N, C-alpha and C. Protein backbone atom coordinates (compact mmCIF):
# COMPACT_ATOMS: atom_id res chain seq x y z
N MET A 1 89.94 112.35 28.18
CA MET A 1 90.42 112.83 27.22
C MET A 1 90.20 114.51 27.36
N ARG A 2 89.06 114.74 28.07
CA ARG A 2 89.05 116.23 28.07
C ARG A 2 90.04 117.07 28.89
N ALA A 3 90.32 116.33 30.02
CA ALA A 3 91.40 116.93 31.08
C ALA A 3 92.78 117.03 30.32
N LEU A 4 93.14 116.00 29.58
CA LEU A 4 94.46 115.90 28.62
C LEU A 4 94.37 117.00 27.61
N VAL A 5 93.17 117.28 26.83
CA VAL A 5 93.21 118.17 25.77
C VAL A 5 93.26 119.67 26.26
N ALA A 6 92.19 119.84 27.18
CA ALA A 6 92.17 121.25 27.72
C ALA A 6 93.42 121.59 28.55
N GLY A 7 94.04 120.70 29.13
CA GLY A 7 95.11 121.17 30.01
C GLY A 7 96.52 121.25 29.30
N ALA A 8 96.67 121.04 27.93
CA ALA A 8 97.82 120.98 27.32
C ALA A 8 98.30 122.34 27.03
N ARG A 9 99.67 122.64 27.52
CA ARG A 9 100.20 123.90 27.45
C ARG A 9 101.00 123.87 26.11
N ALA A 10 101.38 122.79 25.58
CA ALA A 10 101.98 122.69 24.28
C ALA A 10 101.52 121.40 23.55
N VAL A 11 101.37 121.42 22.28
CA VAL A 11 100.81 120.41 21.47
C VAL A 11 101.81 119.84 20.44
N LEU A 12 102.39 118.83 20.51
CA LEU A 12 103.31 118.48 19.63
C LEU A 12 102.59 117.49 18.60
N TRP A 13 102.63 117.91 17.35
CA TRP A 13 102.14 117.25 16.22
C TRP A 13 102.93 116.58 15.37
N ASP A 14 102.61 114.99 15.14
CA ASP A 14 103.23 114.37 13.97
C ASP A 14 102.66 115.14 12.92
N PHE A 15 103.33 115.09 11.69
CA PHE A 15 103.13 115.69 10.66
C PHE A 15 102.18 115.00 9.49
N ASP A 16 102.71 113.73 9.05
CA ASP A 16 102.08 112.98 8.04
C ASP A 16 101.09 112.09 8.88
N GLY A 17 99.95 112.42 8.91
CA GLY A 17 98.87 111.71 9.38
C GLY A 17 97.74 112.62 10.25
N PRO A 18 98.29 113.27 11.36
CA PRO A 18 97.45 114.13 12.22
C PRO A 18 97.25 115.50 11.49
N VAL A 19 98.13 116.03 10.65
CA VAL A 19 98.12 117.24 10.03
C VAL A 19 97.52 117.10 8.72
N CYS A 20 97.99 116.20 7.89
CA CYS A 20 97.74 115.84 6.43
C CYS A 20 97.89 114.49 6.13
N ARG A 21 97.46 114.15 5.03
CA ARG A 21 97.95 112.73 4.42
C ARG A 21 99.01 113.34 3.32
N LEU A 22 100.34 113.09 3.74
CA LEU A 22 101.23 113.64 2.84
C LEU A 22 101.16 112.98 1.30
N PHE A 23 101.11 111.69 1.47
CA PHE A 23 101.27 111.06 0.03
C PHE A 23 99.83 110.65 -0.41
N ALA A 24 98.85 111.55 -0.33
CA ALA A 24 97.66 111.08 -1.00
C ALA A 24 97.85 111.06 -2.48
N GLY A 25 98.42 112.16 -3.10
CA GLY A 25 98.60 111.92 -4.54
C GLY A 25 100.00 111.62 -5.10
N HIS A 26 100.67 111.18 -4.27
CA HIS A 26 102.10 110.88 -4.60
C HIS A 26 102.60 109.63 -3.90
N SER A 27 102.23 108.55 -4.22
CA SER A 27 102.41 107.24 -3.24
C SER A 27 103.69 107.04 -2.72
N SER A 28 103.77 106.89 -1.44
CA SER A 28 104.88 106.63 -0.79
C SER A 28 105.49 105.18 -1.14
N GLN A 29 104.89 104.35 -1.67
CA GLN A 29 105.21 103.13 -2.15
C GLN A 29 106.02 103.25 -3.22
N ARG A 30 105.56 104.16 -4.30
CA ARG A 30 106.45 104.39 -5.48
C ARG A 30 107.66 105.45 -5.19
N VAL A 31 107.49 106.08 -4.23
CA VAL A 31 108.86 106.72 -3.70
C VAL A 31 109.69 105.92 -3.38
N ALA A 32 109.34 104.94 -2.37
CA ALA A 32 110.39 103.94 -1.72
C ALA A 32 110.79 102.99 -2.89
N SER A 33 110.16 102.87 -3.91
CA SER A 33 110.57 102.14 -5.06
C SER A 33 111.68 102.75 -5.89
N GLY A 34 111.38 104.23 -5.90
CA GLY A 34 112.27 104.88 -6.89
C GLY A 34 113.41 105.13 -6.24
N LEU A 35 113.60 105.10 -4.72
CA LEU A 35 115.02 105.12 -4.07
C LEU A 35 115.63 103.63 -4.41
N VAL A 36 114.82 102.64 -4.18
CA VAL A 36 115.31 101.29 -4.43
C VAL A 36 116.09 101.35 -6.01
N ARG A 37 115.41 101.63 -6.85
CA ARG A 37 115.84 101.69 -8.23
C ARG A 37 116.96 102.63 -8.34
N TRP A 38 117.01 103.77 -7.76
CA TRP A 38 118.19 104.77 -7.89
C TRP A 38 119.45 103.93 -7.40
N LEU A 39 119.22 103.17 -6.11
CA LEU A 39 120.43 102.27 -5.76
C LEU A 39 120.82 101.27 -6.72
N GLU A 40 119.74 100.57 -7.29
CA GLU A 40 120.12 99.66 -8.31
C GLU A 40 120.93 100.10 -9.43
N GLY A 41 120.62 101.28 -9.82
CA GLY A 41 121.28 101.75 -10.99
C GLY A 41 122.68 102.23 -10.77
N ARG A 42 123.04 102.25 -9.43
CA ARG A 42 124.55 102.46 -9.06
C ARG A 42 125.04 101.23 -8.54
N GLY A 43 124.49 99.91 -8.89
CA GLY A 43 125.05 98.82 -8.44
C GLY A 43 125.11 98.55 -6.88
N LEU A 44 124.24 99.21 -6.19
CA LEU A 44 124.12 99.13 -4.74
C LEU A 44 122.76 98.46 -4.18
N SER A 45 122.26 97.65 -5.13
CA SER A 45 121.07 97.05 -4.40
C SER A 45 121.33 95.86 -3.48
N GLY A 46 122.78 95.45 -3.35
CA GLY A 46 123.23 94.54 -2.15
C GLY A 46 123.08 95.26 -0.96
N LEU A 47 123.02 96.61 -0.84
CA LEU A 47 122.94 97.19 0.49
C LEU A 47 121.79 96.79 1.41
N LEU A 48 120.63 96.43 0.59
CA LEU A 48 119.28 96.22 1.22
C LEU A 48 118.93 94.67 1.20
N THR A 49 118.24 94.41 2.03
CA THR A 49 117.72 92.84 2.11
C THR A 49 116.69 92.79 1.29
N GLU A 50 116.07 91.74 0.92
CA GLU A 50 114.74 91.50 0.01
C GLU A 50 113.59 92.13 0.68
N GLY A 51 113.64 92.13 1.99
CA GLY A 51 112.25 92.78 2.59
C GLY A 51 112.43 94.32 2.62
N GLU A 52 113.71 94.84 2.59
CA GLU A 52 113.87 96.26 2.78
C GLU A 52 113.62 96.63 1.22
N ARG A 53 114.05 95.98 0.15
CA ARG A 53 113.87 96.25 -1.20
C ARG A 53 112.39 96.27 -1.52
N ASP A 54 111.57 95.65 -0.79
CA ASP A 54 110.02 95.57 -0.87
C ASP A 54 109.33 96.41 -0.15
N SER A 55 109.91 97.23 0.78
CA SER A 55 109.16 97.98 1.57
C SER A 55 108.48 99.10 0.98
N PRO A 56 107.26 99.51 1.53
CA PRO A 56 106.52 100.52 1.02
C PRO A 56 106.94 101.78 1.54
N ASP A 57 107.81 101.95 2.55
CA ASP A 57 108.20 102.96 3.53
C ASP A 57 109.38 103.55 2.97
N PRO A 58 109.50 104.82 2.46
CA PRO A 58 110.87 105.28 2.05
C PRO A 58 111.79 105.42 3.08
N HIS A 59 111.42 105.72 4.34
CA HIS A 59 112.12 105.94 5.44
C HIS A 59 112.70 104.69 5.95
N ALA A 60 112.14 103.68 5.72
CA ALA A 60 112.90 102.30 5.92
C ALA A 60 114.08 102.01 5.00
N VAL A 61 113.81 102.30 3.68
CA VAL A 61 114.97 102.38 2.71
C VAL A 61 116.04 103.33 3.11
N LEU A 62 115.75 104.48 3.38
CA LEU A 62 116.99 105.36 3.82
C LEU A 62 117.48 105.04 4.98
N CYS A 63 117.07 104.49 6.16
CA CYS A 63 117.44 104.23 7.44
C CYS A 63 118.22 102.98 7.15
N ALA A 64 117.82 102.00 6.31
CA ALA A 64 118.61 100.72 6.09
C ALA A 64 120.04 100.99 5.41
N VAL A 65 120.05 102.06 4.66
CA VAL A 65 121.24 102.40 4.00
C VAL A 65 122.15 103.18 4.97
N ASP A 66 121.69 104.11 5.80
CA ASP A 66 122.37 104.55 6.85
C ASP A 66 122.89 103.57 7.70
N ARG A 67 122.21 102.66 8.36
CA ARG A 67 122.84 101.61 9.05
C ARG A 67 124.11 100.97 8.46
N ARG A 68 124.29 100.98 7.30
CA ARG A 68 125.21 100.16 6.77
C ARG A 68 126.41 101.31 6.33
N HIS A 69 126.12 102.54 5.99
CA HIS A 69 127.02 103.40 5.56
C HIS A 69 126.73 104.74 6.47
N PRO A 70 126.60 104.81 7.74
CA PRO A 70 126.39 106.11 8.42
C PRO A 70 127.18 107.39 7.97
N ASP A 71 126.44 108.45 8.03
CA ASP A 71 127.18 109.82 7.89
C ASP A 71 127.87 109.55 6.40
N SER A 72 127.48 108.96 5.39
CA SER A 72 128.08 109.02 4.08
C SER A 72 127.65 109.81 3.14
N ASP A 73 128.34 110.25 1.97
CA ASP A 73 127.64 111.15 0.89
C ASP A 73 126.52 110.35 0.36
N LEU A 74 126.53 108.94 0.14
CA LEU A 74 125.61 108.19 -0.32
C LEU A 74 124.34 108.45 0.49
N VAL A 75 124.30 108.40 1.67
CA VAL A 75 123.06 108.69 2.55
C VAL A 75 122.54 110.18 2.53
N ALA A 76 123.53 111.06 2.27
CA ALA A 76 123.31 112.39 2.15
C ALA A 76 122.44 112.58 0.95
N GLU A 77 122.93 111.81 -0.21
CA GLU A 77 122.17 112.10 -1.53
C GLU A 77 120.86 111.42 -1.49
N LEU A 78 120.90 110.07 -0.86
CA LEU A 78 119.67 109.44 -0.93
C LEU A 78 118.52 110.22 -0.09
N GLU A 79 119.02 110.81 1.23
CA GLU A 79 118.28 111.72 1.89
C GLU A 79 117.53 112.80 1.09
N ALA A 80 118.40 113.58 0.24
CA ALA A 80 117.92 114.64 -0.60
C ALA A 80 117.04 114.25 -1.45
N ARG A 81 117.22 113.07 -2.15
CA ARG A 81 116.19 112.56 -2.98
C ARG A 81 114.69 112.43 -2.39
N LEU A 82 114.92 111.95 -1.10
CA LEU A 82 113.47 111.54 -0.45
C LEU A 82 112.94 112.95 -0.08
N THR A 83 113.68 113.98 0.17
CA THR A 83 113.34 115.27 0.51
C THR A 83 112.48 115.90 -0.50
N GLN A 84 113.13 115.78 -1.82
CA GLN A 84 112.39 116.20 -3.11
C GLN A 84 111.11 115.58 -3.43
N GLU A 85 111.02 114.22 -3.01
CA GLU A 85 109.88 113.55 -3.31
C GLU A 85 108.76 113.94 -2.13
N GLU A 86 109.26 114.27 -0.90
CA GLU A 86 108.28 114.70 -0.09
C GLU A 86 107.67 116.19 -0.54
N LEU A 87 108.49 117.06 -1.00
CA LEU A 87 108.33 118.32 -1.34
C LEU A 87 107.26 118.19 -2.46
N ARG A 88 107.33 117.39 -3.47
CA ARG A 88 106.37 117.09 -4.35
C ARG A 88 105.17 116.62 -3.87
N ALA A 89 105.13 115.66 -3.01
CA ALA A 89 104.17 115.25 -2.45
C ALA A 89 103.13 116.20 -1.54
N ALA A 90 103.97 117.14 -1.17
CA ALA A 90 103.30 118.35 -0.16
C ALA A 90 102.08 119.11 -1.00
N GLY A 91 102.48 119.22 -2.43
CA GLY A 91 101.71 120.07 -3.26
C GLY A 91 100.27 119.38 -3.42
N SER A 92 100.11 118.10 -3.22
CA SER A 92 98.97 117.10 -3.47
C SER A 92 98.50 116.58 -2.10
N ALA A 93 99.12 117.02 -1.04
CA ALA A 93 98.62 116.48 0.32
C ALA A 93 97.24 116.74 0.50
N TRP A 94 96.48 115.96 1.29
CA TRP A 94 95.23 116.13 1.68
C TRP A 94 95.03 116.49 3.14
N PRO A 95 94.63 117.66 3.29
CA PRO A 95 94.41 117.98 4.83
C PRO A 95 93.43 117.05 5.59
N THR A 96 94.05 116.69 6.72
CA THR A 96 93.36 115.83 7.78
C THR A 96 92.09 116.28 8.05
N PRO A 97 90.90 115.94 8.08
CA PRO A 97 89.66 116.38 8.54
C PRO A 97 89.78 116.92 9.82
N TYR A 98 89.22 118.24 10.00
CA TYR A 98 89.25 118.95 11.35
C TYR A 98 90.61 119.48 11.83
N ALA A 99 91.70 119.04 11.37
CA ALA A 99 92.92 119.54 11.67
C ALA A 99 93.25 120.95 11.64
N ASP A 100 92.93 121.60 10.40
CA ASP A 100 93.04 123.15 10.40
C ASP A 100 92.33 123.81 11.41
N PRO A 101 90.86 123.81 11.70
CA PRO A 101 90.40 124.25 12.55
C PRO A 101 90.81 124.10 14.02
N LEU A 102 91.25 122.72 14.17
CA LEU A 102 91.70 122.45 15.57
C LEU A 102 93.12 123.21 15.75
N ILE A 103 93.95 123.13 14.79
CA ILE A 103 95.18 123.97 15.05
C ILE A 103 94.97 125.35 15.36
N ARG A 104 94.00 126.08 14.47
CA ARG A 104 93.86 127.43 14.58
C ARG A 104 93.10 127.61 16.14
N THR A 105 92.19 126.81 16.52
CA THR A 105 91.65 127.03 17.84
C THR A 105 92.56 126.94 18.97
N TRP A 106 93.44 125.78 18.88
CA TRP A 106 94.51 125.83 20.02
C TRP A 106 95.32 126.88 19.98
N ASP A 107 95.73 127.25 18.90
CA ASP A 107 96.60 128.50 18.59
C ASP A 107 95.94 129.65 19.34
N ALA A 108 94.69 129.85 19.05
CA ALA A 108 93.78 131.22 19.68
C ALA A 108 93.64 131.04 21.07
N LEU A 109 93.79 129.93 21.68
CA LEU A 109 93.41 129.63 23.04
C LEU A 109 94.92 129.75 23.74
N GLY A 110 95.99 129.93 23.15
CA GLY A 110 97.35 130.31 23.63
C GLY A 110 98.28 128.97 23.83
N ALA A 111 97.82 127.90 23.27
CA ALA A 111 98.77 126.80 23.49
C ALA A 111 99.79 127.17 22.61
N ARG A 112 101.04 126.30 22.67
CA ARG A 112 102.25 126.36 22.08
C ARG A 112 102.25 125.22 21.13
N LEU A 113 102.30 125.58 19.88
CA LEU A 113 102.16 124.15 18.97
C LEU A 113 103.51 124.05 18.12
N ALA A 114 103.80 122.64 18.11
CA ALA A 114 105.11 122.25 17.37
C ALA A 114 104.90 121.24 16.56
N ILE A 115 105.53 121.24 15.46
CA ILE A 115 105.64 119.78 14.64
C ILE A 115 106.79 119.14 15.06
N ALA A 116 106.67 117.75 15.18
CA ALA A 116 107.65 116.74 15.46
C ALA A 116 107.45 115.65 14.62
N THR A 117 108.36 115.59 13.60
CA THR A 117 108.23 114.62 12.52
C THR A 117 109.31 113.96 11.88
N ASN A 118 109.33 112.77 11.26
CA ASN A 118 110.25 112.12 10.44
C ASN A 118 110.70 112.50 9.18
N ASN A 119 109.74 113.63 8.78
CA ASN A 119 109.59 114.14 7.42
C ASN A 119 110.81 115.32 7.52
N ALA A 120 111.13 115.73 6.26
CA ALA A 120 111.99 117.04 6.20
C ALA A 120 111.43 118.38 6.91
N PRO A 121 111.79 118.80 7.83
CA PRO A 121 110.90 120.17 8.19
C PRO A 121 110.78 121.10 7.09
N LEU A 122 111.42 121.18 6.08
CA LEU A 122 111.07 122.26 5.07
C LEU A 122 109.76 121.82 4.30
N VAL A 123 109.77 120.40 4.29
CA VAL A 123 108.32 119.82 3.52
C VAL A 123 106.97 120.30 4.55
N ALA A 124 107.06 120.13 5.75
CA ALA A 124 106.11 120.54 6.68
C ALA A 124 105.96 122.15 6.48
N ARG A 125 106.90 122.84 6.39
CA ARG A 125 106.82 124.27 6.62
C ARG A 125 106.10 124.62 5.12
N ALA A 126 106.55 123.99 4.08
CA ALA A 126 105.89 124.24 2.77
C ALA A 126 104.55 124.07 2.95
N TYR A 127 103.94 122.83 3.54
CA TYR A 127 102.55 122.59 3.51
C TYR A 127 101.98 123.43 4.41
N LEU A 128 102.30 123.72 5.43
CA LEU A 128 101.64 124.83 6.49
C LEU A 128 101.71 126.17 5.75
N ASP A 129 102.69 126.47 5.28
CA ASP A 129 102.55 127.88 4.41
C ASP A 129 101.33 127.81 3.28
N GLY A 130 101.45 126.70 2.72
CA GLY A 130 100.06 126.71 1.82
C GLY A 130 98.80 126.60 2.50
N ARG A 131 98.66 126.23 3.50
CA ARG A 131 97.39 126.28 4.13
C ARG A 131 97.09 127.43 5.22
N GLY A 132 98.08 128.39 5.23
CA GLY A 132 98.00 129.55 6.08
C GLY A 132 98.26 129.13 7.60
N LEU A 133 98.94 128.17 7.80
CA LEU A 133 98.99 127.56 9.25
C LEU A 133 100.31 127.83 9.82
N ALA A 134 101.37 128.21 9.13
CA ALA A 134 102.73 128.36 9.54
C ALA A 134 102.51 129.45 10.72
N PRO A 135 102.06 130.50 11.03
CA PRO A 135 102.01 131.37 11.99
C PRO A 135 101.63 130.65 13.31
N CYS A 136 100.88 129.54 13.28
CA CYS A 136 100.47 128.84 14.43
C CYS A 136 101.53 128.04 14.95
N PHE A 137 102.56 127.66 14.21
CA PHE A 137 103.63 126.78 14.60
C PHE A 137 105.06 127.56 14.67
N ALA A 138 105.01 128.76 14.04
CA ALA A 138 106.37 129.43 14.00
C ALA A 138 106.84 129.65 15.20
N PRO A 139 108.29 129.41 15.39
CA PRO A 139 109.24 128.61 14.33
C PRO A 139 109.45 127.25 14.96
N HIS A 140 108.37 126.74 15.44
CA HIS A 140 108.53 125.23 16.03
C HIS A 140 108.30 124.09 15.05
N VAL A 141 109.22 123.83 14.14
CA VAL A 141 108.98 122.76 13.24
C VAL A 141 110.30 122.01 13.32
N TYR A 142 110.12 120.68 13.77
CA TYR A 142 111.50 119.88 13.94
C TYR A 142 110.94 118.53 13.31
N GLY A 143 112.21 118.05 12.48
CA GLY A 143 112.00 117.14 11.58
C GLY A 143 113.19 116.54 11.45
N ARG A 144 113.40 115.52 10.19
CA ARG A 144 114.41 114.74 9.85
C ARG A 144 115.76 115.80 9.72
N THR A 145 116.89 115.23 10.31
CA THR A 145 118.10 115.82 10.26
C THR A 145 119.11 114.63 9.62
N ARG A 146 120.40 115.13 9.42
CA ARG A 146 121.30 114.14 9.02
C ARG A 146 121.55 112.88 10.12
N ASP A 147 121.19 113.34 11.20
CA ASP A 147 121.30 112.27 12.15
C ASP A 147 120.09 111.26 12.30
N LEU A 148 120.19 110.37 11.22
CA LEU A 148 119.03 109.38 11.04
C LEU A 148 118.66 108.57 12.14
N HIS A 149 119.67 108.48 13.04
CA HIS A 149 119.31 107.40 14.13
C HIS A 149 118.51 108.22 15.18
N ARG A 150 118.37 109.35 14.85
CA ARG A 150 117.45 110.19 15.85
C ARG A 150 116.06 110.29 15.46
N LEU A 151 115.51 109.69 14.32
CA LEU A 151 114.14 109.82 13.77
C LEU A 151 113.44 108.98 14.95
N LYS A 152 112.22 109.28 15.19
CA LYS A 152 111.16 108.69 15.87
C LYS A 152 111.36 107.06 15.53
N PRO A 153 111.49 106.24 16.62
CA PRO A 153 110.96 106.14 18.04
C PRO A 153 111.82 107.16 18.92
N ASP A 154 113.06 107.54 18.37
CA ASP A 154 113.94 108.44 19.29
C ASP A 154 113.16 109.58 19.67
N PRO A 155 113.07 110.12 20.96
CA PRO A 155 112.52 111.31 21.12
C PRO A 155 112.92 112.75 20.90
N HIS A 156 114.19 112.63 20.04
CA HIS A 156 115.06 113.67 20.05
C HIS A 156 114.08 114.99 19.29
N CYS A 157 113.43 114.62 18.33
CA CYS A 157 112.57 115.96 17.72
C CYS A 157 111.54 116.48 19.02
N LEU A 158 111.06 115.58 19.78
CA LEU A 158 110.14 115.82 20.66
C LEU A 158 110.92 116.85 21.89
N ASN A 159 112.03 116.26 22.29
CA ASN A 159 112.84 116.99 23.31
C ASN A 159 113.27 118.39 22.77
N ARG A 160 113.39 118.61 21.53
CA ARG A 160 113.67 119.61 20.77
C ARG A 160 112.56 120.67 20.95
N ALA A 161 111.27 120.13 20.77
CA ALA A 161 110.09 121.10 20.64
C ALA A 161 109.75 121.35 22.11
N LEU A 162 109.79 120.42 23.22
CA LEU A 162 109.74 120.79 24.50
C LEU A 162 110.64 121.98 24.92
N SER A 163 111.94 121.83 24.61
CA SER A 163 113.01 122.82 25.16
C SER A 163 112.46 124.26 24.35
N ALA A 164 112.17 124.34 23.15
CA ALA A 164 112.05 125.50 22.53
C ALA A 164 110.70 126.00 22.97
N THR A 165 109.60 125.38 23.11
CA THR A 165 108.39 125.88 23.66
C THR A 165 108.45 126.11 25.35
N GLY A 166 109.40 125.70 26.01
CA GLY A 166 109.52 125.76 27.40
C GLY A 166 108.42 125.07 28.30
N ALA A 167 108.16 124.15 27.55
CA ALA A 167 106.90 123.26 28.27
C ALA A 167 107.53 121.92 28.93
N ALA A 168 107.27 121.64 30.06
CA ALA A 168 107.55 120.39 30.65
C ALA A 168 106.98 119.35 30.07
N PRO A 169 107.34 118.00 30.00
CA PRO A 169 106.91 116.83 29.34
C PRO A 169 105.36 116.82 29.84
N GLY A 170 105.09 116.85 31.18
CA GLY A 170 103.65 116.56 31.45
C GLY A 170 102.82 117.62 31.03
N GLU A 171 103.29 118.79 30.81
CA GLU A 171 102.26 119.91 30.34
C GLU A 171 101.79 119.83 29.00
N ALA A 172 102.43 118.85 28.17
CA ALA A 172 102.33 118.93 26.76
C ALA A 172 101.49 117.57 26.48
N LEU A 173 101.32 117.38 25.03
CA LEU A 173 100.55 116.47 24.33
C LEU A 173 101.11 116.28 23.13
N MET A 174 101.30 114.95 22.62
CA MET A 174 101.72 114.59 21.59
C MET A 174 100.46 113.88 20.80
N ILE A 175 100.42 114.43 19.59
CA ILE A 175 99.38 113.77 18.76
C ILE A 175 100.00 112.94 17.59
N GLY A 176 99.94 111.64 17.50
CA GLY A 176 100.55 110.87 16.57
C GLY A 176 99.83 109.76 15.87
N ASP A 177 100.18 109.01 14.86
CA ASP A 177 99.34 108.14 14.32
C ASP A 177 100.16 106.76 14.12
N THR A 178 101.30 106.70 14.79
CA THR A 178 102.01 105.60 14.63
C THR A 178 102.56 104.88 15.83
N PRO A 179 103.01 103.81 16.09
CA PRO A 179 103.78 102.99 17.28
C PRO A 179 105.08 103.88 17.30
N SER A 180 105.68 104.38 16.52
CA SER A 180 106.84 105.04 16.65
C SER A 180 106.75 106.43 17.46
N ASP A 181 105.56 107.17 17.11
CA ASP A 181 105.09 108.20 17.61
C ASP A 181 104.71 107.86 19.22
N HIS A 182 104.39 106.76 19.58
CA HIS A 182 103.67 106.66 20.80
C HIS A 182 104.91 106.20 21.75
N GLU A 183 105.79 105.56 21.15
CA GLU A 183 107.07 105.13 21.54
C GLU A 183 107.85 106.57 22.05
N ALA A 184 108.20 107.29 21.20
CA ALA A 184 108.93 108.40 21.24
C ALA A 184 108.11 109.51 22.39
N ALA A 185 106.98 109.59 22.43
CA ALA A 185 106.38 110.28 23.45
C ALA A 185 106.53 109.57 25.02
N VAL A 186 106.32 108.31 24.89
CA VAL A 186 106.68 107.72 26.05
C VAL A 186 108.06 107.88 26.68
N ARG A 187 109.07 107.91 25.77
CA ARG A 187 110.55 108.28 26.12
C ARG A 187 110.84 109.46 26.39
N ALA A 188 109.95 110.46 25.97
CA ALA A 188 110.08 111.89 26.27
C ALA A 188 109.16 112.30 27.48
N GLY A 189 108.24 111.28 28.00
CA GLY A 189 107.56 111.42 29.01
C GLY A 189 106.30 112.29 28.79
N VAL A 190 105.84 112.57 27.68
CA VAL A 190 104.76 113.28 27.07
C VAL A 190 103.54 112.42 26.96
N PRO A 191 102.46 112.94 27.58
CA PRO A 191 101.01 112.22 27.22
C PRO A 191 100.66 112.08 25.56
N PHE A 192 100.17 111.01 25.28
CA PHE A 192 99.99 110.79 23.93
C PHE A 192 98.43 110.51 23.66
N LEU A 193 98.17 111.34 22.72
CA LEU A 193 96.78 111.06 21.80
C LEU A 193 97.02 110.49 20.57
N GLY A 194 96.43 109.03 20.33
CA GLY A 194 96.48 108.51 18.99
C GLY A 194 95.56 108.89 17.98
N TYR A 195 95.92 109.19 16.76
CA TYR A 195 94.86 109.39 15.76
C TYR A 195 95.00 108.33 14.73
N ALA A 196 93.91 107.56 14.60
CA ALA A 196 93.84 106.47 13.74
C ALA A 196 92.90 106.52 12.44
N ALA A 197 93.48 106.93 11.31
CA ALA A 197 92.60 106.99 10.28
C ALA A 197 91.96 105.81 9.70
N SER A 198 92.25 104.64 10.08
CA SER A 198 91.90 103.34 9.64
C SER A 198 91.81 102.39 10.86
N PRO A 199 91.13 101.16 10.52
CA PRO A 199 91.18 100.31 11.62
C PRO A 199 92.57 99.69 11.71
N ARG A 200 93.32 99.58 10.79
CA ARG A 200 94.64 98.96 10.84
C ARG A 200 95.62 99.86 11.60
N LYS A 201 95.33 101.21 11.52
CA LYS A 201 96.17 102.16 12.23
C LYS A 201 95.91 102.01 13.76
N GLU A 202 94.52 101.87 14.04
CA GLU A 202 94.06 101.65 15.35
C GLU A 202 94.55 100.49 16.13
N GLU A 203 94.53 99.50 15.35
CA GLU A 203 95.16 98.12 15.71
C GLU A 203 96.56 98.31 16.25
N LEU A 204 97.44 98.96 15.23
CA LEU A 204 98.85 99.15 15.61
C LEU A 204 99.09 99.86 16.99
N LEU A 205 98.22 101.12 16.98
CA LEU A 205 98.37 101.78 18.02
C LEU A 205 98.19 101.17 19.36
N ARG A 206 97.13 100.31 19.47
CA ARG A 206 96.55 99.51 20.60
C ARG A 206 97.81 98.61 20.87
N GLU A 207 98.25 97.91 19.91
CA GLU A 207 99.20 96.86 20.14
C GLU A 207 100.42 97.56 20.85
N SER A 208 100.78 98.89 20.38
CA SER A 208 101.89 99.70 20.97
C SER A 208 101.58 100.06 22.20
N GLY A 209 100.35 99.95 22.82
CA GLY A 209 100.11 100.26 24.12
C GLY A 209 99.43 101.82 24.30
N ALA A 210 99.24 102.48 23.33
CA ALA A 210 98.47 103.59 23.43
C ALA A 210 97.30 103.67 24.16
N PRO A 211 97.07 104.56 25.09
CA PRO A 211 96.03 104.26 25.80
C PRO A 211 94.84 105.18 25.30
N LEU A 212 95.25 106.15 24.58
CA LEU A 212 93.72 107.03 24.23
C LEU A 212 93.94 107.17 22.53
N ILE A 213 92.86 106.77 22.00
CA ILE A 213 92.99 106.88 20.45
C ILE A 213 91.74 107.49 19.90
N VAL A 214 91.80 108.31 18.84
CA VAL A 214 90.55 108.80 18.39
C VAL A 214 90.57 108.41 16.87
N ASP A 215 89.36 108.24 16.09
CA ASP A 215 89.52 108.03 14.83
C ASP A 215 89.13 109.18 14.04
N SER A 216 88.78 110.37 14.66
CA SER A 216 88.58 111.63 14.26
C SER A 216 89.19 112.84 15.22
N LEU A 217 89.51 113.85 14.57
CA LEU A 217 89.75 115.19 15.39
C LEU A 217 88.65 115.94 15.97
N GLU A 218 87.50 115.49 15.37
CA GLU A 218 86.15 116.41 15.60
C GLU A 218 86.03 116.37 17.31
N PRO A 219 86.01 115.20 18.00
CA PRO A 219 85.73 115.42 19.40
C PRO A 219 86.69 116.15 20.02
N VAL A 220 88.08 116.26 19.65
CA VAL A 220 89.12 117.12 20.25
C VAL A 220 88.79 118.55 20.01
N LEU A 221 88.36 118.77 18.76
CA LEU A 221 87.92 120.33 18.50
C LEU A 221 86.68 120.62 19.46
N ARG A 222 85.69 119.84 19.55
CA ARG A 222 84.31 120.02 20.33
C ARG A 222 84.91 120.33 21.73
N ILE A 223 86.02 119.61 22.29
CA ILE A 223 86.41 120.07 23.54
C ILE A 223 86.82 121.37 23.90
N LEU A 224 87.83 121.70 22.73
CA LEU A 224 88.21 123.04 22.97
C LEU A 224 87.31 124.13 22.68
N GLN A 225 86.32 123.99 21.93
CA GLN A 225 85.21 124.86 21.76
C GLN A 225 84.26 124.85 22.94
N GLY A 226 84.08 123.70 23.95
CA GLY A 226 83.57 123.69 25.10
C GLY A 226 82.03 123.03 24.71
N ARG A 227 82.15 122.25 23.56
CA ARG A 227 80.89 121.44 23.24
C ARG A 227 80.77 120.14 23.63
N ALA A 228 81.84 119.74 24.46
CA ALA A 228 81.95 118.26 24.93
C ALA A 228 82.47 118.22 26.36
């Protein structure tokens, strides 16, 4: 891990998880249920399977509708509602332990930092602004667009970050907490460091084949500070 961390010229961060716990004070399950109720109120609940209606993941609800009505006004409105819920959540998000000092340290050492997320980019920017971290990433925040089929595990946002930072894939490092983050990194050719805040997260990352996983960002910070 020391060589991987110390040698990274560019660091691509997933947002919700490694940088903060976005839905700490605003449950993602309630957001997903709200999107389902909004569809039901318009007589559109038939667009979802029973499993999709019960999903705790609002992205899963959005993508399910997009698969059936791609590039539609319905999807655009549903995505806008999700973005507003994410913005509301950003106000009560919890910083991931050691993320702030790690970001500042990597930036001070000259690494180019970028966000590569399935959340709306303006949500990530709002959170980073609130923490005083925006200058560490500016302008490299890449997130959800209208092209929902390009959400991770598609490597689109990682490739955009690589292109903008001028880093070759092998010179970069992706920090993520889901199998889709790992798959996107593999498809982009970027080394991957898994962050697992719970045993379940670690289990899922290991099942995805992630070779290197930490349950805290502290050892990464210690490496950069020359204390490990």
